[in-house]
Amino acid sequence: MRNPISRKEYDVIIIGGGMTGMGTARDCAMRGLRTLLVERNDFATGASGRNHGLLHSGARYVVNDPESATECIAENLILRRIARNCVEEHDGLFISLPEDDLNYQTKLFEACHSAGIPADIIDPEEAKRIEPVVNPALIGAVRVPDGSIDPFRLVQANELDARLHGADILSYHEVIDVLSSNGRVVGVQLRDNQSGDQFEVRGSVVVNAAGIWGSHIAQMAGVEVKMFPSKGALLIFANRVNKMVINRCHKASNGDILVPDGVVTILGSTSDRVPLSECDDMRVTPKEVETLLSEGTKLVPILASTRLLRAYAGVRPLVVEDDGEVSGRGISRGIVCLDHEKRDGLAGFVTITGGKLMTYRLMAEMATDLVCRKLNVKRKCETAMIALPDIDENPEDAPAPLHRSHRAAVMREDKMFVCECGKVTLGEIRDTIADGEAETLTQLRRRTRMGMGRCPGRFCAMRSARLMCSVGGKSAADSGQDLADFINERWKGIYPVGWDTTLADGQYMASVYQGLCGLDSFSRR
C-alpha cells in the first residue's frame, strides 16, 4: 500500500532528527510551512544524544572563537527562558592549577566581558567553598553562567511542538536519493528501514541537517560539503560528584570539563579525527579512557576513587575548507548555513551544520530564514520568544500519538519505580509504550531515561522488556531479542571501563541476564 506521506506536497523536507533538524522542523511549522522531517534511525542518535549535556556560557571558546562564544551566551539565556524543564542552572568554574599560566585567566576574563558573558574572578578559597570537590591546589578561578541541559528532553520538546504546529515527522525513514530536475532539488526518495518499502516525497526546499552524515546527503544531491569527523569520548561516573560545571582554565584540551547531569557526572572530552566509515559505530578505546581519567582527576581528585559507569562517544560535524587540519580543536564551532543555489548552482537545497547543541535554535532560525526567503514567506521567527511545551504535561488538544511519556496524571496514578536510579515510574513506561512512542528498549531509554542512572539497566531493562510484552504486544521471543540487544549495547560502553566495582557489576549483570534469563541463547542481529 502506498505510504500516505508520498501523496503530500511539502514546502520543506528536513533530513535529520537530531537537535538542529528538530529545531528547524519546529521553526518551519511555526511559520506555517508544510513541513516534513525524516530520520533514518531514532531521534537524537547522533551527536545530539552523545555530548556533555553542557549549557555553554561560551567561555570555553571566547579566547579563540569569540563569534561562537557570543552565539553561545545569547542562546544560553534564551534556553533558560524557553526550555526551563530541560535546563539545570548551577553556574560553572574555570580553575587554574599550579602548572597553568594565570595570564590565560586574565585573557579569558577580559574576552568574556568583550563577548557579553558574565564572568567574575573569585578567590581560590571562595571557589573551594562553593565547590568543595575542586582540586584544593587551584591558584585561580573564574565563575561563569554554565549549566546543564537534557538533550533528549530538548529534542522531544521540539518534536512535540513541531507536531502540534502541523509538521509530519518520520523516524526510521532513510533518504536513499535526493531527487532533482533541471538544476533544482524537488524531493527525496525514502526507504522505510522497518518495512523495507520505498517511496518518493516531493518538496519545494530540502534542508540537509544530517550532522556528520550531511556530507553523504550532499553527495546524493551532487554537491560537496567537506566534513571533519571529530570524535569526542566521554566518561560517566556513578555519582553526582560536583555541584557546578568545572572547566580547566587553559586552551581547550582533553578531559577538561566535568558536568553534573542528574544523578551522575560526565567527564569529557577528547578530539580525534576518525574516518566517516566509523561514525555509525563509535567505540571508546582504553587509551581514551586513560587520557580522560588522567586529566579529569586534576580537576577533581576524588574522581580517582569514584565508580565509573560507562564510556561513550559522539562525532562533531565540523566543516573544513581543506584537508590541512590535523586536530578538530582548531576548527571553529561556528554555524555553517549553505545556500547551494548560490554556492553550487543547485536550487532548492540548503545545508545547516557546524555549531553546537547550545546553538541549535539559532541554527534552525538561520536555516528557516533561508527557506522562507526562497518561498517568499514573510513570517518572522518566534522560537526565541515562545516557550517549548512541557513534555511532563499532556496538551489537551494533542492527539493520542502526541501524549508524552511523563504525564503528571499517570505519575500520580502509579508511582511505582521501574527504574529506581532515574526515578522512572511504571506509569511513564507504560504510557510511552502504549502511545507507540517506543517499540524497543533503546527507544524507551531515550524517551524516559530508563537505564541511564547509576545502574545501567541491571533490573529496569528486564522489567521494561516484560512491559513491552504486556502493554506493547511483543512476543516473548522478540522481547528477549530486544533485551539482548539492549544489554549488549550497554555493555559496549561498560567494557572500556571494566575494572574494580564496574567489572564486578558487569559480572553480576552477566550472571543475571545469561544465567537466569538465558539471553546468551539469542544471537546478535
Protein backbone atom coordinates (compact mmCIF):
# COMPACT_ATOMS: atom_id res chain seq x y z
CA MET A 1 0.00 0.00 0.00
CA ARG A 2 1.31 3.43 -0.91
CA ASN A 3 2.57 5.47 2.05
CA PRO A 4 0.17 8.39 2.68
CA ILE A 5 3.13 10.75 3.12
CA SER A 6 4.01 10.24 -0.55
CA ARG A 7 0.68 11.79 -1.56
CA LYS A 8 1.51 15.10 0.11
CA GLU A 9 3.38 18.10 -1.26
CA TYR A 10 5.64 19.86 1.23
CA ASP A 11 7.14 23.31 1.37
CA VAL A 12 10.18 21.94 3.17
CA ILE A 13 11.65 18.48 3.77
CA ILE A 14 14.23 18.33 6.60
CA ILE A 15 16.75 15.48 6.70
CA GLY A 16 18.00 14.61 10.19
CA GLY A 17 16.24 14.04 13.52
CA GLY A 18 18.90 15.50 15.77
CA MET A 19 18.65 18.76 17.65
CA THR A 20 19.23 21.02 14.63
CA GLY A 21 16.81 19.17 12.37
CA MET A 22 14.09 19.03 15.02
CA GLY A 23 14.56 22.70 15.86
CA THR A 24 14.28 23.54 12.17
CA ALA A 25 11.09 21.49 11.88
CA ARG A 26 9.62 23.41 14.80
CA ASP A 27 10.57 26.80 13.35
CA CYS A 28 9.31 25.94 9.85
CA ALA A 29 6.00 24.62 11.18
CA MET A 30 5.52 27.66 13.43
CA ARG A 31 5.90 29.88 10.36
CA GLY A 32 3.11 28.00 8.60
CA LEU A 33 5.23 25.91 6.23
CA ARG A 34 4.08 22.44 5.25
CA THR A 35 6.89 20.56 6.94
CA LEU A 36 8.24 17.01 6.85
CA LEU A 37 11.20 15.75 8.89
CA VAL A 38 12.79 12.37 8.18
CA GLU A 39 15.33 10.47 10.29
CA ARG A 40 16.94 7.17 9.33
CA ASN A 41 17.16 5.90 12.94
CA ASP A 42 15.63 7.07 16.19
CA PHE A 43 15.75 10.74 17.14
CA ALA A 44 18.89 12.09 18.87
CA THR A 45 21.00 9.05 17.98
CA GLY A 46 23.97 11.08 16.70
CA ALA A 47 25.87 13.93 18.34
CA SER A 48 22.64 15.33 19.81
CA GLY A 49 22.44 12.37 22.18
CA ARG A 50 26.18 11.89 22.67
CA ASN A 51 27.54 15.01 24.31
CA HIS A 52 28.27 16.59 27.71
CA GLY A 53 24.78 17.94 28.21
CA LEU A 54 26.55 21.25 28.88
CA LEU A 55 24.63 24.52 28.81
CA HIS A 56 27.58 26.51 27.46
CA SER A 57 28.13 30.06 28.58
CA GLY A 58 30.51 30.42 25.63
CA ALA A 59 33.52 30.96 27.90
CA ARG A 60 35.22 27.82 26.62
CA TYR A 61 35.53 29.33 23.13
CA VAL A 62 35.77 33.02 23.94
CA VAL A 63 39.56 33.39 23.62
CA ASN A 64 39.99 31.66 20.25
CA ASP A 65 36.48 31.77 18.73
CA PRO A 66 34.67 34.87 20.04
CA GLU A 67 31.91 34.64 17.42
CA SER A 68 30.88 31.18 18.63
CA ALA A 69 31.14 32.35 22.24
CA THR A 70 28.79 35.27 21.57
CA GLU A 71 26.29 32.91 19.95
CA CYS A 72 26.52 30.55 22.93
CA ILE A 73 25.77 33.15 25.62
CA ALA A 74 22.84 34.55 23.64
CA GLU A 75 21.32 31.09 23.19
CA ASN A 76 22.16 30.17 26.79
CA LEU A 77 19.90 32.96 28.02
CA ILE A 78 17.15 32.05 25.53
CA LEU A 79 17.15 28.37 26.53
CA ARG A 80 16.94 29.25 30.22
CA ARG A 81 13.73 31.05 29.31
CA ILE A 82 12.06 28.79 26.72
CA ALA A 83 13.25 25.36 27.90
CA ARG A 84 13.21 25.63 31.67
CA ASN A 85 12.18 22.00 32.14
CA CYS A 86 15.27 20.85 30.22
CA VAL A 87 17.77 23.12 31.98
CA GLU A 88 19.53 23.00 35.34
CA GLU A 89 21.08 26.31 36.39
CA HIS A 90 24.13 25.94 38.62
CA ASP A 91 26.92 28.04 37.04
CA GLY A 92 30.45 26.92 36.30
CA LEU A 93 34.05 27.45 37.34
CA PHE A 94 37.17 27.81 35.21
CA ILE A 95 40.02 26.81 37.50
CA SER A 96 43.75 27.40 37.14
CA LEU A 97 46.15 24.85 38.62
CA PRO A 98 49.79 25.49 39.61
CA GLU A 99 51.07 24.38 36.21
CA ASP A 100 48.68 26.76 34.40
CA ASP A 101 49.53 30.28 33.27
CA LEU A 102 47.42 32.83 35.19
CA ASN A 103 47.76 35.17 32.23
CA TYR A 104 45.28 32.91 30.43
CA GLN A 105 42.77 33.52 33.25
CA THR A 106 43.10 37.27 32.70
CA LYS A 107 42.74 36.80 28.96
CA LEU A 108 39.62 34.65 29.43
CA PHE A 109 38.07 37.14 31.87
CA GLU A 110 38.62 40.10 29.54
CA ALA A 111 37.38 38.18 26.50
CA CYS A 112 34.23 37.16 28.37
CA HIS A 113 33.37 40.77 29.10
CA SER A 114 34.04 41.76 25.48
CA ALA A 115 31.64 38.98 24.34
CA GLY A 116 28.94 39.88 26.87
CA ILE A 117 29.50 36.75 29.01
CA PRO A 118 29.04 37.48 32.75
CA ALA A 119 32.28 36.42 34.45
CA ASP A 120 33.88 37.08 37.82
CA ILE A 121 37.36 36.30 39.04
CA ILE A 122 36.93 34.82 42.51
CA ASP A 123 39.35 33.93 45.26
CA PRO A 124 40.51 30.28 45.24
CA GLU A 125 39.23 29.90 48.81
CA GLU A 126 35.79 31.05 47.70
CA ALA A 127 35.92 28.56 44.81
CA LYS A 128 36.65 25.75 47.27
CA ARG A 129 33.78 26.88 49.47
CA ILE A 130 31.16 26.88 46.70
CA GLU A 131 32.57 23.73 45.05
CA PRO A 132 34.11 21.54 47.77
CA VAL A 133 35.38 18.76 45.46
CA VAL A 134 37.52 21.04 43.29
CA ASN A 135 41.27 20.46 43.35
CA PRO A 136 42.44 22.28 46.52
CA ALA A 137 45.71 23.18 44.81
CA LEU A 138 43.97 25.65 42.45
CA ILE A 139 45.55 29.09 42.19
CA GLY A 140 42.76 30.89 40.35
CA ALA A 141 39.07 30.66 39.45
CA VAL A 142 36.54 32.41 37.20
CA ARG A 143 32.80 31.97 37.71
CA VAL A 144 30.62 31.88 34.56
CA PRO A 145 26.94 31.06 33.81
CA ASP A 146 27.42 27.47 32.63
CA GLY A 147 24.72 24.90 33.38
CA SER A 148 23.35 21.52 32.35
CA ILE A 149 20.75 20.64 29.73
CA ASP A 150 19.00 17.36 28.96
CA PRO A 151 19.40 16.88 25.19
CA PHE A 152 16.86 14.04 25.00
CA ARG A 153 14.11 16.09 26.64
CA LEU A 154 15.04 19.07 24.48
CA VAL A 155 14.70 17.04 21.28
CA GLN A 156 11.36 15.64 22.49
CA ALA A 157 10.03 19.11 23.35
CA ASN A 158 10.92 20.42 19.89
CA GLU A 159 9.40 17.33 18.27
CA LEU A 160 6.17 17.77 20.20
CA ASP A 161 5.87 21.45 19.31
CA ALA A 162 6.65 20.77 15.65
CA ARG A 163 3.87 18.18 15.55
CA LEU A 164 1.45 20.48 17.36
CA HIS A 165 2.09 23.06 14.63
CA GLY A 166 1.30 20.54 11.91
CA ALA A 167 4.66 19.03 10.97
CA ASP A 168 4.90 15.41 9.84
CA ILE A 169 7.84 13.60 11.46
CA LEU A 170 9.11 10.16 10.48
CA SER A 171 11.75 8.11 12.26
CA TYR A 172 13.39 5.04 10.70
CA HIS A 173 12.96 6.51 7.21
CA GLU A 174 16.25 6.86 5.38
CA VAL A 175 16.97 9.15 2.44
CA ILE A 176 18.40 6.92 -0.29
CA ASP A 177 18.34 9.56 -3.03
CA VAL A 178 17.91 13.31 -3.41
CA LEU A 179 15.65 13.97 -6.39
CA SER A 180 16.46 16.81 -8.76
CA SER A 181 15.20 18.16 -12.06
CA ASN A 182 16.58 20.95 -14.25
CA GLY A 183 19.09 22.14 -11.65
CA ARG A 184 16.63 22.08 -8.76
CA VAL A 185 16.12 19.64 -5.88
CA VAL A 186 12.46 18.56 -5.94
CA GLY A 187 12.27 15.96 -3.19
CA VAL A 188 13.74 12.79 -1.75
CA GLN A 189 13.40 9.05 -2.14
CA LEU A 190 12.87 7.30 1.20
CA ARG A 191 13.23 3.77 2.46
CA ASP A 192 11.24 2.65 5.48
CA ASN A 193 14.01 0.90 7.43
CA GLN A 194 11.48 -1.24 9.28
CA SER A 195 9.33 -2.47 6.39
CA GLY A 196 11.78 -2.01 3.51
CA ASP A 197 9.20 -0.04 1.47
CA GLN A 198 10.50 2.72 -0.77
CA PHE A 199 8.66 5.83 -1.94
CA GLU A 200 9.22 9.39 -3.10
CA VAL A 201 8.22 12.62 -1.37
CA ARG A 202 8.13 15.98 -3.11
CA GLY A 203 9.07 19.31 -1.55
CA SER A 204 9.96 22.83 -2.67
CA VAL A 205 13.09 23.02 -0.48
CA VAL A 206 15.17 20.25 1.09
CA VAL A 207 17.20 21.08 4.21
CA ASN A 208 20.23 18.89 4.92
CA ALA A 209 20.52 18.80 8.75
CA ALA A 210 22.07 15.34 8.99
CA GLY A 211 25.10 16.27 11.09
CA ILE A 212 28.26 14.36 10.25
CA TRP A 213 26.28 12.35 7.69
CA GLY A 214 25.41 15.59 5.89
CA SER A 215 28.37 15.12 3.56
CA HIS A 216 26.77 11.90 2.29
CA ILE A 217 23.42 13.64 1.75
CA ALA A 218 25.21 16.42 -0.14
CA GLN A 219 26.89 13.84 -2.38
CA MET A 220 23.47 12.42 -3.24
CA ALA A 221 22.46 15.90 -4.38
CA GLY A 222 25.63 16.22 -6.46
CA VAL A 223 27.42 18.83 -4.32
CA GLU A 224 30.28 18.64 -1.79
CA VAL A 225 30.36 19.56 1.88
CA LYS A 226 33.74 18.72 3.42
CA MET A 227 33.39 17.35 6.93
CA PHE A 228 36.00 16.81 9.62
CA PRO A 229 34.59 13.96 11.77
CA SER A 230 35.89 14.85 15.24
CA LYS A 231 35.32 12.05 17.73
CA GLY A 232 34.72 13.05 21.33
CA ALA A 233 34.93 10.33 24.01
CA LEU A 234 33.29 10.89 27.41
CA LEU A 235 33.03 9.06 30.75
CA ILE A 236 30.04 8.75 33.09
CA PHE A 237 30.64 8.45 36.83
CA ALA A 238 28.14 6.77 39.13
CA ASN A 239 27.64 9.73 41.47
CA ARG A 240 26.92 13.39 41.08
CA VAL A 241 30.34 14.46 42.27
CA ASN A 242 30.31 18.21 41.65
CA LYS A 243 27.66 20.90 42.16
CA MET A 244 28.85 23.16 39.34
CA VAL A 245 30.40 22.66 35.93
CA ILE A 246 34.19 22.61 36.36
CA ASN A 247 36.43 23.63 33.45
CA ARG A 248 40.21 23.83 33.23
CA CYS A 249 41.29 27.41 32.60
CA HIS A 250 43.60 26.84 29.68
CA LYS A 251 43.37 26.30 25.93
CA ALA A 252 40.72 23.64 25.20
CA SER A 253 42.13 20.15 25.60
CA ASN A 254 41.21 16.58 26.53
CA GLY A 255 39.36 15.78 29.76
CA ASP A 256 38.99 19.36 30.94
CA ILE A 257 35.21 19.65 31.53
CA LEU A 258 33.24 17.98 34.31
CA VAL A 259 29.44 18.35 34.09
CA PRO A 260 26.88 17.39 36.77
CA ASP A 261 23.99 15.66 34.99
CA GLY A 262 21.08 14.47 37.10
CA VAL A 263 22.38 11.75 39.43
CA VAL A 264 25.65 11.23 37.53
CA THR A 265 28.70 13.20 36.41
CA ILE A 266 30.08 13.40 32.86
CA LEU A 267 33.75 13.97 32.06
CA GLY A 268 34.91 14.89 28.61
CA SER A 269 36.06 15.02 26.08
CA THR A 270 38.66 14.02 23.54
CA SER A 271 39.04 15.29 19.98
CA ASP A 272 40.38 12.94 17.33
CA ARG A 273 39.71 12.69 13.63
CA VAL A 274 38.04 9.44 12.60
CA PRO A 275 37.03 8.05 9.19
CA LEU A 276 33.45 8.71 8.14
CA SER A 277 33.05 4.94 7.76
CA GLU A 278 33.40 4.52 11.55
CA CYS A 279 30.87 7.18 12.57
CA ASP A 280 27.97 4.71 12.79
CA ASP A 281 29.70 2.61 15.45
CA MET A 282 31.73 4.76 17.82
CA ARG A 283 33.67 2.84 20.46
CA VAL A 284 35.82 4.26 23.22
CA THR A 285 39.37 2.93 23.46
CA PRO A 286 41.36 2.15 26.65
CA LYS A 287 43.80 4.92 25.70
CA GLU A 288 40.98 7.48 25.57
CA VAL A 289 39.74 6.34 28.99
CA GLU A 290 43.25 6.65 30.41
CA THR A 291 43.64 10.16 28.97
CA LEU A 292 40.31 11.34 30.33
CA LEU A 293 40.93 9.95 33.80
CA SER A 294 44.45 11.38 33.95
CA GLU A 295 43.22 14.88 33.12
CA GLY A 296 39.89 14.68 34.96
CA THR A 297 41.44 13.82 38.30
CA LYS A 298 43.44 17.05 38.07
CA LEU A 299 40.13 18.94 38.15
CA VAL A 300 38.58 16.83 40.90
CA PRO A 301 40.93 14.37 42.65
CA ILE A 302 38.05 12.34 44.12
CA LEU A 303 37.27 11.04 40.60
CA ALA A 304 40.14 8.59 41.08
CA SER A 305 38.02 6.69 43.64
CA THR A 306 34.58 7.28 42.08
CA ARG A 307 32.92 4.35 40.34
CA LEU A 308 32.79 4.59 36.57
CA LEU A 309 29.53 3.60 34.88
CA ARG A 310 30.35 3.60 31.21
CA ALA A 311 32.05 5.38 28.33
CA TYR A 312 30.53 6.71 25.12
CA ALA A 313 31.49 8.84 22.15
CA GLY A 314 29.93 11.18 19.63
CA VAL A 315 31.16 12.78 16.41
CA ARG A 316 31.21 16.55 15.97
CA PRO A 317 30.10 17.68 12.49
CA LEU A 318 32.87 20.19 11.80
CA VAL A 319 33.18 21.76 8.35
CA VAL A 320 36.58 22.41 6.74
CA GLU A 321 37.62 24.18 3.58
CA ASP A 322 40.63 21.91 3.04
CA ASP A 323 42.25 18.80 4.49
CA GLY A 324 45.08 20.58 6.28
CA GLU A 325 43.72 20.34 9.83
CA VAL A 326 45.29 17.65 11.99
CA SER A 327 43.05 18.23 15.01
CA GLY A 328 39.44 19.24 15.47
CA ARG A 329 40.39 21.63 18.30
CA GLY A 330 41.46 24.27 15.81
CA ILE A 331 38.25 24.27 13.77
CA SER A 332 35.64 26.89 14.58
CA ARG A 333 32.42 25.75 16.26
CA GLY A 334 30.63 28.43 14.27
CA ILE A 335 27.43 27.79 12.33
CA VAL A 336 27.62 26.90 8.64
CA CYS A 337 24.48 27.60 6.61
CA LEU A 338 24.97 26.86 2.91
CA ASP A 339 22.66 28.06 0.15
CA HIS A 340 23.59 25.58 -2.55
CA GLU A 341 21.83 27.65 -5.21
CA LYS A 342 24.34 30.46 -4.73
CA ARG A 343 27.26 28.19 -3.91
CA ASP A 344 26.78 25.35 -6.40
CA GLY A 345 24.00 26.38 -8.77
CA LEU A 346 21.63 23.82 -7.23
CA ALA A 347 18.29 25.40 -6.32
CA GLY A 348 16.02 24.16 -3.55
CA PHE A 349 18.82 22.69 -1.40
CA VAL A 350 20.18 24.02 1.91
CA THR A 351 22.75 22.60 4.35
CA ILE A 352 22.80 23.64 8.01
CA THR A 353 25.66 22.21 10.07
CA GLY A 354 28.54 23.02 12.42
CA GLY A 355 27.60 24.87 15.58
CA LYS A 356 26.78 23.13 18.84
CA LEU A 357 23.86 21.71 20.75
CA MET A 358 23.87 25.07 22.52
CA THR A 359 23.20 26.97 19.30
CA TYR A 360 20.67 24.59 17.71
CA ARG A 361 17.82 27.13 17.90
CA LEU A 362 19.86 29.84 16.17
CA MET A 363 20.93 27.33 13.52
CA ALA A 364 17.29 26.41 12.96
CA GLU A 365 16.36 30.09 12.68
CA MET A 366 19.08 30.70 10.09
CA ALA A 367 18.01 27.69 8.01
CA THR A 368 14.32 28.58 8.24
CA ASP A 369 15.00 32.22 7.33
CA LEU A 370 16.73 30.99 4.18
CA VAL A 371 13.88 28.61 3.35
CA CYS A 372 11.35 31.40 3.83
CA ARG A 373 13.28 33.71 1.52
CA LYS A 374 13.25 31.04 -1.15
CA LEU A 375 9.50 30.53 -0.72
CA ASN A 376 8.75 34.26 -0.36
CA VAL A 377 7.26 33.73 3.11
CA LYS A 378 7.43 36.87 5.26
CA ARG A 379 6.64 35.47 8.71
CA LYS A 380 9.31 36.11 11.35
CA CYS A 381 10.91 33.61 13.73
CA GLU A 382 9.23 33.31 17.14
CA THR A 383 11.16 30.39 18.64
CA ALA A 384 13.23 32.65 20.91
CA MET A 385 10.09 34.11 22.49
CA ILE A 386 7.60 31.22 22.71
CA ALA A 387 8.39 28.59 25.32
CA LEU A 388 8.66 24.96 24.36
CA PRO A 389 5.85 22.73 25.63
CA ASP A 390 6.44 20.85 28.86
CA ILE A 391 6.68 17.18 27.95
CA ASP A 392 5.67 16.34 31.53
CA GLU A 393 2.23 17.64 30.74
CA ASN A 394 -0.42 16.33 28.39
CA PRO A 395 -1.65 19.05 25.99
CA GLU A 396 -5.44 18.92 25.97
CA ASP A 397 -5.62 19.37 22.21
CA ALA A 398 -2.93 16.78 21.40
CA PRO A 399 -3.99 13.58 19.62
CA ALA A 400 -3.06 10.27 21.22
CA PRO A 401 0.31 9.81 19.47
CA LEU A 402 1.46 13.11 20.96
CA HIS A 403 0.83 12.21 24.59
CA ARG A 404 4.29 12.28 26.11
CA SER A 405 5.85 9.71 28.36
CA HIS A 406 5.96 11.79 31.52
CA ARG A 407 2.30 12.65 32.07
CA ALA A 408 1.79 14.09 35.54
CA ALA A 409 -1.59 12.38 35.82
CA VAL A 410 -0.06 8.97 35.22
CA MET A 411 2.68 9.66 37.75
CA ARG A 412 0.09 10.45 40.39
CA GLU A 413 -1.86 7.33 39.48
CA ASP A 414 1.05 4.90 39.57
CA LYS A 415 4.30 5.92 41.27
CA MET A 416 5.98 2.52 41.40
CA PHE A 417 9.51 2.81 40.03
CA VAL A 418 10.60 0.62 37.14
CA CYS A 419 13.99 2.35 37.16
CA GLU A 420 14.93 3.38 40.70
CA CYS A 421 18.12 5.19 39.65
CA GLY A 422 16.38 7.51 37.25
CA LYS A 423 13.08 7.55 39.18
CA VAL A 424 11.22 6.40 36.07
CA THR A 425 7.75 5.17 37.02
CA LEU A 426 5.63 2.30 35.82
CA GLY A 427 3.13 4.85 34.54
CA GLU A 428 5.75 6.60 32.43
CA ILE A 429 6.99 3.37 30.88
CA ARG A 430 3.52 2.02 30.25
CA ASP A 431 2.34 5.30 28.72
CA THR A 432 5.32 5.56 26.38
CA ILE A 433 4.80 2.02 25.10
CA ALA A 434 1.01 2.31 24.83
CA ASP A 435 1.24 5.51 22.79
CA GLY A 436 3.59 3.86 20.30
CA GLU A 437 6.50 6.16 21.14
CA ALA A 438 8.89 3.30 21.82
CA GLU A 439 8.97 -0.09 20.15
CA THR A 440 12.40 -1.07 21.50
CA LEU A 441 14.14 -0.72 24.85
CA THR A 442 16.70 1.63 23.30
CA GLN A 443 13.91 3.95 22.15
CA LEU A 444 12.38 3.70 25.61
CA ARG A 445 15.73 4.69 27.16
CA ARG A 446 15.95 7.86 25.07
CA ARG A 447 12.40 8.91 25.91
CA THR A 448 12.30 8.12 29.62
CA ARG A 449 15.99 7.76 30.68
CA MET A 450 15.29 4.20 31.79
CA GLY A 451 18.68 2.53 32.28
CA MET A 452 20.62 5.81 32.27
CA GLY A 453 21.14 6.16 36.00
CA ARG A 454 23.74 4.65 38.34
CA CYS A 455 22.69 1.13 37.34
CA PRO A 456 22.95 0.69 33.56
CA GLY A 457 19.74 -1.31 33.19
CA ARG A 458 20.50 -4.02 35.74
CA PHE A 459 16.86 -4.67 36.67
CA CYS A 460 14.83 -1.98 34.90
CA ALA A 461 15.68 -3.36 31.43
CA MET A 462 14.18 -6.71 32.38
CA ARG A 463 11.07 -5.10 33.87
CA SER A 464 10.65 -2.90 30.80
CA ALA A 465 11.03 -5.90 28.48
CA ARG A 466 8.11 -7.53 30.27
CA LEU A 467 6.03 -4.37 29.75
CA MET A 468 6.92 -4.47 26.06
CA CYS A 469 5.05 -7.78 26.02
CA SER A 470 2.09 -6.98 28.29
CA VAL A 471 1.49 -3.43 27.04
CA GLY A 472 3.10 -3.33 23.60
CA GLY A 473 2.03 -6.78 22.48
CA LYS A 474 5.54 -8.01 21.68
CA SER A 475 6.11 -11.73 21.60
CA ALA A 476 8.36 -13.23 24.27
CA ALA A 477 10.94 -14.15 21.60
CA ASP A 478 11.04 -10.64 20.11
CA SER A 479 11.20 -9.05 23.54
CA GLY A 480 14.03 -11.39 24.54
CA GLN A 481 15.97 -10.45 21.42
CA ASP A 482 15.34 -6.77 22.11
CA LEU A 483 16.57 -7.21 25.68
CA ALA A 484 19.71 -8.99 24.49
CA ASP A 485 20.42 -6.17 22.00
CA PHE A 486 19.86 -3.55 24.71
CA ILE A 487 22.21 -5.23 27.20
CA ASN A 488 24.87 -5.76 24.53
CA GLU A 489 24.69 -2.08 23.60
CA ARG A 490 25.02 -1.09 27.25
CA TRP A 491 27.97 -3.46 27.58
CA LYS A 492 29.72 -1.70 24.70
CA GLY A 493 30.03 1.34 26.96
CA ILE A 494 30.89 -0.61 30.10
CA TYR A 495 33.69 -2.68 28.51
CA PRO A 496 36.27 0.16 28.20
CA VAL A 497 35.95 0.93 31.95
CA GLY A 498 35.52 -2.69 33.09
CA TRP A 499 37.62 -2.87 36.23
CA ASP A 500 37.15 -2.77 40.01
CA THR A 501 33.49 -2.34 41.05
CA THR A 502 32.43 -1.69 37.44
CA LEU A 503 33.77 -5.12 36.47
CA ALA A 504 32.01 -6.70 39.46
CA ASP A 505 28.75 -5.05 38.41
CA GLY A 506 29.25 -6.31 34.87
CA GLN A 507 29.82 -9.85 36.07
CA TYR A 508 26.72 -9.64 38.23
CA MET A 509 24.66 -8.45 35.26
CA ALA A 510 26.06 -11.28 33.16
CA SER A 511 25.02 -13.84 35.78
CA VAL A 512 21.51 -12.37 35.87
CA TYR A 513 20.93 -11.98 32.15
CA GLN A 514 22.86 -15.01 30.93
CA GLY A 515 22.46 -17.39 33.84
CA LEU A 516 18.90 -16.60 34.91
CA CYS A 517 17.40 -15.19 31.73
CA GLY A 518 19.38 -17.21 29.19
CA LEU A 519 19.97 -14.21 26.93
CA ASP A 520 23.14 -15.77 25.55
CA SER A 521 20.83 -18.03 23.52
CA PHE A 522 19.86 -15.01 21.40
CA SER A 523 22.23 -14.29 18.55
CA ARG A 524 23.02 -10.62 17.96
CA ARG A 525 21.19 -9.35 14.91
